[in-house]
């Protein structure tokens, strides 16, 4: 692979009063360029990850990045969207630009402003990431979609309430160490396990603690080709990456297993001549706890139907054999859609450079990440290691 991450920036995630999409984009664009030690003149192309779908009236966003500095004017800028994998889609497009030798430096920004929208409208916007010909009548929005997936999984493999509660508790505990996380509170296993007024059922078997948060936020990375990156202060190389898209209609798939996710992981590992055992950690797409459970199986950590074993035996804890979501994941960190995949790349890059602070996994050398759009539809895997 010819691309490296040479700088990054990350906003706080959460309900950010007084911010709009433009201000979020501008802030992280400025900070990422400064972190890379370059100037806007050095940037050859810009990619913006921005799902929107109605969250913001300002739908056309690619040139909002130019608001960060007049020196970005006349740079080619493109908005990228692939549902909840929008951020990683922007990163991978930037890498494609570099590999095509169209330029040497690319700025990637991911952003979303979700909390200005009312609850029922949020559900309708998110449902646009499903197959509306079949899914439009599902109650509970996207939580309803994953509630149905959880029910199918339960029917095939048995009740997973304990496993999902352990995943939620793990990620909330990990999120306490993440200075950018939306919810920095260790909720504990019992709270996540039990139905209560503060943790009601949302859809199917999923409780509130099984669902990621509605968030505002932004993140950015600067990419450079390897030759350029070698002359820079820091460089994190893409050891391997892969992108797989699956059918949109769930009726065409067995939703008890995320086959597209499995193919994305298998392809990435094969390209990188790696096995899962080579990885030091993974940041994965826990939009719902059942998604993280099923991703254990899709990445090959366990056999199908045995994902609960990974969390019950502590494999995915920060001190386990493969720490999963040491940042707290989407469950704790938040999920501003366009920013999520870019955030994952920032966090993985920090880990392999030993710069993740209280989130740090000791001796981290290879960091994997998985970002998913829709119900296992758009599947992106990146594996990073420090070049310098």
Protein backbone atom coordinates (compact mmCIF):
# COMPACT_ATOMS: atom_id res chain seq x y z
CA UNK A 1 0.00 0.00 0.00
CA UNK A 2 1.22 3.47 -0.83
CA UNK A 3 -0.61 5.60 1.74
CA UNK A 4 0.27 6.77 5.23
CA UNK A 5 -1.49 8.83 7.87
CA UNK A 6 0.82 11.74 8.71
CA UNK A 7 -1.46 13.96 10.80
CA UNK A 8 -4.84 13.96 12.49
CA UNK A 9 -7.40 15.86 14.51
CA UNK A 10 -10.49 14.91 16.51
CA UNK A 11 -13.27 16.95 18.09
CA UNK A 12 -15.22 16.06 21.19
CA UNK A 13 -18.22 13.89 20.33
CA UNK A 14 -21.65 14.59 21.83
CA UNK A 15 -24.27 17.31 21.82
CA UNK A 16 -22.14 20.25 20.73
CA UNK A 17 -24.07 23.46 21.31
CA UNK A 18 -23.19 26.40 19.10
CA UNK A 19 -21.57 24.20 16.44
CA UNK A 20 -22.76 23.43 12.94
CA UNK A 21 -21.35 21.16 10.24
CA UNK A 22 -19.22 23.96 8.84
CA UNK A 23 -17.60 24.89 12.14
CA UNK A 24 -16.83 21.25 12.92
CA UNK A 25 -15.27 20.69 9.50
CA UNK A 26 -13.20 23.87 9.68
CA UNK A 27 -11.81 23.14 13.13
CA UNK A 28 -10.53 19.63 12.43
CA UNK A 29 -9.24 20.56 8.96
CA UNK A 30 -7.09 23.33 10.43
CA UNK A 31 -5.86 21.13 13.28
CA UNK A 32 -5.04 18.10 11.10
CA UNK A 33 -2.98 20.15 8.65
CA UNK A 34 -1.09 21.73 11.55
CA UNK A 35 -0.54 18.32 13.15
CA UNK A 36 0.96 17.03 9.91
CA UNK A 37 3.35 19.98 9.77
CA UNK A 38 2.22 21.03 6.30
CA UNK A 39 0.39 24.00 4.80
CA UNK A 40 -2.82 24.06 2.75
CA UNK A 41 -0.71 24.60 -0.39
CA UNK A 42 0.73 21.11 0.12
CA UNK A 43 -2.69 19.43 -0.13
CA UNK A 44 -3.48 17.98 -3.55
CA UNK A 45 -7.06 16.82 -2.92
CA UNK A 46 -9.78 16.90 -0.28
CA UNK A 47 -12.40 14.25 0.55
CA UNK A 48 -15.28 14.99 2.92
CA UNK A 49 -17.20 12.18 4.61
CA UNK A 50 -20.68 13.58 5.27
CA UNK A 51 -23.80 11.39 5.41
CA UNK A 52 -26.34 14.10 6.23
CA UNK A 53 -29.56 12.63 4.79
CA UNK A 54 -31.44 15.60 6.21
CA UNK A 55 -29.65 16.28 9.51
CA UNK A 56 -28.37 19.56 8.08
CA UNK A 57 -30.04 21.85 5.54
CA UNK A 58 -26.58 22.40 4.03
CA UNK A 59 -26.42 19.22 1.98
CA UNK A 60 -23.68 20.18 -0.52
CA UNK A 61 -20.62 20.14 1.72
CA UNK A 62 -17.42 19.37 -0.17
CA UNK A 63 -16.28 22.99 -0.44
CA UNK A 64 -17.03 23.71 3.21
CA UNK A 65 -13.50 22.43 3.87
CA UNK A 66 -12.22 25.44 1.89
CA UNK A 67 -13.67 27.66 4.63
CA UNK A 68 -10.78 26.53 6.84
CA UNK A 69 -8.18 28.49 4.85
CA UNK A 70 -8.24 30.56 1.67
CA UNK A 71 -5.23 28.60 0.46
CA UNK A 72 -7.50 25.56 -0.06
CA UNK A 73 -9.33 27.48 -2.79
CA UNK A 74 -9.35 25.67 -6.17
CA UNK A 75 -8.27 22.35 -4.65
CA UNK A 76 -10.40 19.43 -5.90
CA UNK A 77 -12.85 18.52 -3.14
CA UNK A 78 -15.31 15.63 -3.20
CA UNK A 79 -18.02 14.56 -0.78
CA UNK A 80 -18.20 10.80 -0.12
CA UNK A 81 -21.15 8.90 1.38
CA UNK A 82 -21.62 5.21 2.19
CA UNK A 83 -24.09 5.22 5.11
CA UNK A 84 -22.44 4.69 8.51
CA UNK A 85 -19.17 3.75 6.76
CA UNK A 86 -18.98 7.22 5.16
CA UNK A 87 -15.82 8.20 7.05
CA UNK A 88 -13.86 5.13 5.99
CA UNK A 89 -15.17 5.51 2.44
CA UNK A 90 -13.59 8.98 2.37
CA UNK A 91 -10.31 7.62 3.73
CA UNK A 92 -10.20 4.81 1.17
CA UNK A 93 -10.98 7.26 -1.66
CA UNK A 94 -8.05 9.35 -0.53
CA UNK A 95 -5.82 6.29 -0.65
CA UNK A 96 -7.10 5.47 -4.14
CA UNK A 97 -6.11 9.01 -5.22
CA UNK A 98 -2.59 8.48 -3.90
CA UNK A 99 -2.24 5.02 -5.41
CA UNK A 100 -3.33 6.40 -8.78
CA UNK A 101 -0.45 8.90 -8.39
CA UNK A 102 -2.77 11.84 -8.86
CA UNK A 103 -1.01 13.66 -6.04
CA UNK A 104 1.07 13.19 -2.90
CA UNK A 105 -0.99 14.66 -0.03
CA UNK A 106 -4.73 14.33 0.69
CA UNK A 107 -6.88 15.83 3.44
CA UNK A 108 -9.76 13.69 4.70
CA UNK A 109 -12.49 15.18 6.90
CA UNK A 110 -15.49 13.38 8.39
CA UNK A 111 -18.27 15.29 10.12
CA UNK A 112 -21.91 15.10 11.22
CA UNK A 113 -24.28 17.33 13.18
CA UNK A 114 -27.16 15.13 14.38
CA UNK A 115 -28.48 16.55 17.63
CA UNK A 116 -30.31 19.55 16.18
CA UNK A 117 -32.85 17.08 14.75
CA UNK A 118 -35.88 15.84 16.69
CA UNK A 119 -35.98 12.18 17.76
CA UNK A 120 -38.63 10.84 15.36
CA UNK A 121 -37.00 12.63 12.44
CA UNK A 122 -33.61 11.13 13.38
CA UNK A 123 -35.13 7.68 13.05
CA UNK A 124 -36.47 8.46 9.59
CA UNK A 125 -33.14 9.82 8.39
CA UNK A 126 -31.22 6.80 9.64
CA UNK A 127 -33.71 4.42 8.02
CA UNK A 128 -32.56 5.77 4.66
CA UNK A 129 -29.52 3.54 5.22
CA UNK A 130 -31.77 0.47 4.98
CA UNK A 131 -33.77 -1.07 2.12
CA UNK A 132 -36.96 0.94 2.38
CA UNK A 133 -38.96 -1.29 0.05
CA UNK A 134 -38.81 -3.93 2.78
CA UNK A 135 -37.81 -2.11 5.96
CA UNK A 136 -39.89 1.08 5.97
CA UNK A 137 -42.54 -0.37 8.28
CA UNK A 138 -40.11 -1.73 10.88
CA UNK A 139 -40.87 -0.05 14.20
CA UNK A 140 -38.07 1.60 16.12
CA UNK A 141 -36.03 2.89 13.20
CA UNK A 142 -32.57 1.41 12.77
CA UNK A 143 -32.72 0.02 16.29
CA UNK A 144 -35.72 -1.94 15.02
CA UNK A 145 -33.63 -3.31 12.16
CA UNK A 146 -30.93 -4.55 14.53
CA UNK A 147 -33.61 -5.66 16.97
CA UNK A 148 -34.84 -8.02 14.26
CA UNK A 149 -31.28 -9.17 13.55
CA UNK A 150 -30.80 -9.85 17.27
CA UNK A 151 -34.02 -11.85 17.39
CA UNK A 152 -32.90 -13.99 14.45
CA UNK A 153 -29.54 -14.58 16.11
CA UNK A 154 -31.24 -15.49 19.41
CA UNK A 155 -33.53 -17.93 17.63
CA UNK A 156 -30.57 -19.68 16.06
CA UNK A 157 -28.04 -19.57 18.90
CA UNK A 158 -29.98 -18.84 22.07
CA UNK A 159 -30.44 -15.85 24.36
CA UNK A 160 -27.45 -13.50 24.32
CA UNK A 161 -28.59 -11.03 26.98
CA UNK A 162 -25.57 -11.63 29.21
CA UNK A 163 -23.08 -11.31 26.34
CA UNK A 164 -24.60 -8.06 25.09
CA UNK A 165 -24.56 -6.59 28.59
CA UNK A 166 -20.89 -7.52 28.98
CA UNK A 167 -20.07 -5.84 25.66
CA UNK A 168 -21.93 -2.68 26.68
CA UNK A 169 -20.25 -2.62 30.10
CA UNK A 170 -16.80 -3.16 28.57
CA UNK A 171 -17.20 -0.33 26.10
CA UNK A 172 -18.60 2.11 28.64
CA UNK A 173 -15.72 1.33 31.01
CA UNK A 174 -13.19 1.81 28.20
CA UNK A 175 -14.82 5.07 27.19
CA UNK A 176 -13.95 6.61 30.55
CA UNK A 177 -10.35 6.79 29.27
CA UNK A 178 -11.30 8.54 26.02
CA UNK A 179 -11.19 12.35 26.34
CA UNK A 180 -13.34 12.74 23.21
CA UNK A 181 -16.08 10.30 24.23
CA UNK A 182 -19.68 11.44 24.54
CA UNK A 183 -20.51 9.28 27.56
CA UNK A 184 -17.60 8.77 29.95
CA UNK A 185 -19.33 6.69 32.60
CA UNK A 186 -18.70 3.14 33.77
CA UNK A 187 -22.28 1.83 33.86
CA UNK A 188 -21.39 -1.67 35.06
CA UNK A 189 -22.62 -5.06 33.96
CA UNK A 190 -25.70 -5.21 36.17
CA UNK A 191 -27.09 -1.89 34.91
CA UNK A 192 -26.52 -2.95 31.28
CA UNK A 193 -28.03 -6.40 31.97
CA UNK A 194 -31.26 -5.37 33.68
CA UNK A 195 -34.31 -3.69 32.22
CA UNK A 196 -35.14 -0.53 34.16
CA UNK A 197 -36.66 2.92 33.79
CA UNK A 198 -33.22 4.21 32.86
CA UNK A 199 -32.44 1.23 30.63
CA UNK A 200 -35.69 0.29 28.88
CA UNK A 201 -36.22 -2.04 25.95
CA UNK A 202 -35.83 -0.10 22.69
CA UNK A 203 -36.44 -2.73 19.99
CA UNK A 204 -36.63 -6.52 20.06
CA UNK A 205 -34.28 -7.67 22.84
CA UNK A 206 -32.14 -4.51 22.62
CA UNK A 207 -32.10 -2.10 25.55
CA UNK A 208 -30.92 1.48 25.58
CA UNK A 209 -27.44 0.39 26.64
CA UNK A 210 -27.29 -1.80 23.53
CA UNK A 211 -27.64 1.21 21.21
CA UNK A 212 -25.05 3.78 20.12
CA UNK A 213 -25.58 7.46 20.75
CA UNK A 214 -26.87 10.30 18.59
CA UNK A 215 -23.86 12.57 18.25
CA UNK A 216 -22.22 15.62 16.77
CA UNK A 217 -18.54 15.55 15.93
CA UNK A 218 -15.73 15.60 13.40
CA UNK A 219 -12.34 14.04 12.76
CA UNK A 220 -9.69 14.48 10.09
CA UNK A 221 -6.56 12.79 8.80
CA UNK A 222 -3.86 13.89 6.40
CA UNK A 223 -2.67 11.14 4.05
CA UNK A 224 0.58 11.12 2.12
CA UNK A 225 2.28 8.66 -0.18
CA UNK A 226 5.01 6.62 1.47
CA UNK A 227 7.91 8.51 -0.11
CA UNK A 228 6.54 11.82 1.15
CA UNK A 229 5.63 10.36 4.53
CA UNK A 230 9.22 9.23 5.16
CA UNK A 231 10.28 12.86 5.36
CA UNK A 232 7.57 13.80 7.85
CA UNK A 233 7.52 13.87 11.63
CA UNK A 234 5.23 10.83 11.97
CA UNK A 235 3.82 8.26 9.60
CA UNK A 236 1.37 5.41 10.09
CA UNK A 237 1.18 3.11 7.09
CA UNK A 238 -1.78 1.11 5.83
CA UNK A 239 -0.43 -2.43 6.03
CA UNK A 240 -3.60 -3.55 4.28
CA UNK A 241 -7.18 -2.49 3.63
CA UNK A 242 -10.28 -3.91 2.01
CA UNK A 243 -13.79 -2.83 1.05
CA UNK A 244 -16.71 -5.19 0.38
CA UNK A 245 -20.33 -4.32 -0.32
CA UNK A 246 -23.19 -6.73 0.35
CA UNK A 247 -26.81 -6.89 -0.82
CA UNK A 248 -28.96 -4.10 0.64
CA UNK A 249 -32.14 -6.20 1.16
CA UNK A 250 -31.86 -8.34 4.29
CA UNK A 251 -34.26 -10.82 2.64
CA UNK A 252 -31.43 -11.87 0.31
CA UNK A 253 -29.09 -12.75 3.19
CA UNK A 254 -28.82 -14.94 6.26
CA UNK A 255 -28.78 -12.22 8.89
CA UNK A 256 -27.47 -14.51 11.63
CA UNK A 257 -24.00 -14.07 10.10
CA UNK A 258 -22.39 -10.97 8.57
CA UNK A 259 -20.97 -12.56 5.43
CA UNK A 260 -19.89 -9.28 3.80
CA UNK A 261 -18.04 -8.34 6.99
CA UNK A 262 -16.33 -11.73 7.01
CA UNK A 263 -15.21 -11.29 3.39
CA UNK A 264 -13.90 -7.81 4.12
CA UNK A 265 -11.80 -9.11 7.01
CA UNK A 266 -10.59 -12.21 5.15
CA UNK A 267 -9.58 -10.14 2.13
CA UNK A 268 -7.70 -7.59 4.21
CA UNK A 269 -5.81 -10.23 6.17
CA UNK A 270 -4.93 -12.13 2.99
CA UNK A 271 -3.67 -9.00 1.24
CA UNK A 272 -1.53 -8.14 4.26
CA UNK A 273 -0.31 -11.73 4.72
CA UNK A 274 -1.60 -11.54 8.27
CA UNK A 275 -3.73 -13.53 10.66
CA UNK A 276 -6.03 -12.14 13.32
CA UNK A 277 -3.46 -13.24 15.91
CA UNK A 278 -1.03 -10.65 14.51
CA UNK A 279 -3.26 -7.76 15.57
CA UNK A 280 -2.72 -5.86 18.82
CA UNK A 281 -6.26 -4.42 18.96
CA UNK A 282 -9.35 -3.70 16.88
CA UNK A 283 -11.67 -0.70 16.77
CA UNK A 284 -14.95 -2.13 15.50
CA UNK A 285 -18.39 -0.80 14.58
CA UNK A 286 -20.57 -1.40 17.64
CA UNK A 287 -23.57 0.63 16.46
CA UNK A 288 -25.45 -1.95 18.53
CA UNK A 289 -23.95 -4.48 20.92
CA UNK A 290 -25.29 -7.34 18.82
CA UNK A 291 -23.25 -5.95 15.91
CA UNK A 292 -20.04 -6.20 17.93
CA UNK A 293 -20.96 -9.73 18.99
CA UNK A 294 -21.52 -10.79 15.39
CA UNK A 295 -18.37 -9.00 14.25
CA UNK A 296 -16.32 -11.22 16.59
CA UNK A 297 -17.53 -14.14 14.50
CA UNK A 298 -17.16 -12.40 11.14
CA UNK A 299 -13.54 -11.40 11.83
CA UNK A 300 -12.77 -15.00 12.78
CA UNK A 301 -12.21 -14.52 16.49
CA UNK A 302 -14.74 -17.29 17.16
CA UNK A 303 -16.83 -19.70 15.13
CA UNK A 304 -20.37 -18.63 14.13
CA UNK A 305 -22.69 -18.69 17.11
CA UNK A 306 -19.82 -18.63 19.62
CA UNK A 307 -19.16 -14.88 19.84
CA UNK A 308 -20.34 -14.79 23.44
CA UNK A 309 -17.31 -16.83 24.43
CA UNK A 310 -14.96 -13.98 23.42
CA UNK A 311 -16.56 -11.50 25.81
CA UNK A 312 -17.35 -13.99 28.58
CA UNK A 313 -13.75 -15.24 28.72
CA UNK A 314 -12.29 -11.74 28.60
CA UNK A 315 -10.60 -12.02 25.20
CA UNK A 316 -11.80 -8.59 24.08
CA UNK A 317 -11.02 -6.67 27.26
CA UNK A 318 -8.12 -4.20 27.21
CA UNK A 319 -5.90 -6.85 28.81
CA UNK A 320 -7.31 -9.69 26.70
CA UNK A 321 -5.79 -11.50 23.75
CA UNK A 322 -7.45 -9.12 21.25
CA UNK A 323 -8.70 -5.87 22.83
CA UNK A 324 -11.81 -4.63 21.03
CA UNK A 325 -12.80 -0.96 21.20
CA UNK A 326 -10.31 0.33 23.78
CA UNK A 327 -11.69 3.77 22.87
CA UNK A 328 -15.14 2.80 24.14
CA UNK A 329 -16.42 2.28 20.60
CA UNK A 330 -19.53 3.89 19.21
CA UNK A 331 -21.40 2.87 22.36
CA UNK A 332 -19.42 5.24 24.56
CA UNK A 333 -17.59 7.52 22.14
CA UNK A 334 -20.68 8.36 20.08
CA UNK A 335 -21.55 7.90 16.43
CA UNK A 336 -21.61 11.11 14.35
CA UNK A 337 -22.03 9.17 11.14
CA UNK A 338 -19.65 10.89 8.72
CA UNK A 339 -16.97 11.23 11.39
CA UNK A 340 -17.04 7.67 12.75
CA UNK A 341 -14.74 5.96 10.26
CA UNK A 342 -12.24 8.82 10.27
CA UNK A 343 -12.26 8.74 14.08
CA UNK A 344 -11.46 5.02 14.00
CA UNK A 345 -8.43 5.72 11.80
CA UNK A 346 -7.24 8.45 14.17
CA UNK A 347 -7.58 6.20 17.21
CA UNK A 348 -5.85 3.26 15.52
CA UNK A 349 -2.99 5.50 14.37
CA UNK A 350 -2.55 6.83 17.90
CA UNK A 351 -2.37 3.30 19.28
CA UNK A 352 0.41 2.09 16.99
CA UNK A 353 2.44 5.22 17.75
CA UNK A 354 1.96 4.76 21.49
CA UNK A 355 0.12 8.09 21.74
CA UNK A 356 -3.32 6.91 22.90
CA UNK A 357 -2.95 8.07 26.49
CA UNK A 358 -5.13 6.19 28.96
CA UNK A 359 -6.63 4.22 26.02
CA UNK A 360 -3.22 2.82 25.11
CA UNK A 361 -2.75 -0.92 24.62
CA UNK A 362 0.77 -1.81 25.75
CA UNK A 363 3.07 -2.68 22.88
CA UNK A 364 0.48 -2.06 20.17
CA UNK A 365 2.04 -2.69 16.76
CA UNK A 366 -0.80 -3.56 14.39
CA UNK A 367 -4.23 -1.96 14.85
CA UNK A 368 -7.22 -3.18 12.88
CA UNK A 369 -10.46 -1.30 12.38
CA UNK A 370 -13.82 -2.20 10.93
CA UNK A 371 -16.42 0.37 9.86
CA UNK A 372 -19.84 -0.75 8.64
CA UNK A 373 -22.56 0.98 6.66
CA UNK A 374 -26.13 -0.22 7.03
CA UNK A 375 -26.84 -3.69 8.36
CA UNK A 376 -23.56 -5.24 7.25
CA UNK A 377 -23.86 -3.71 3.76
CA UNK A 378 -20.78 -1.47 3.31
CA UNK A 379 -17.79 -3.11 4.99
CA UNK A 380 -14.39 -1.43 5.37
CA UNK A 381 -11.31 -2.90 7.04
CA UNK A 382 -8.00 -1.08 7.54
CA UNK A 383 -4.92 -2.39 9.38
CA UNK A 384 -2.34 0.17 10.44
CA UNK A 385 1.23 0.06 11.71
CA UNK A 386 3.73 2.77 12.55
CA UNK A 387 6.21 3.55 9.79
CA UNK A 388 8.05 6.12 11.89
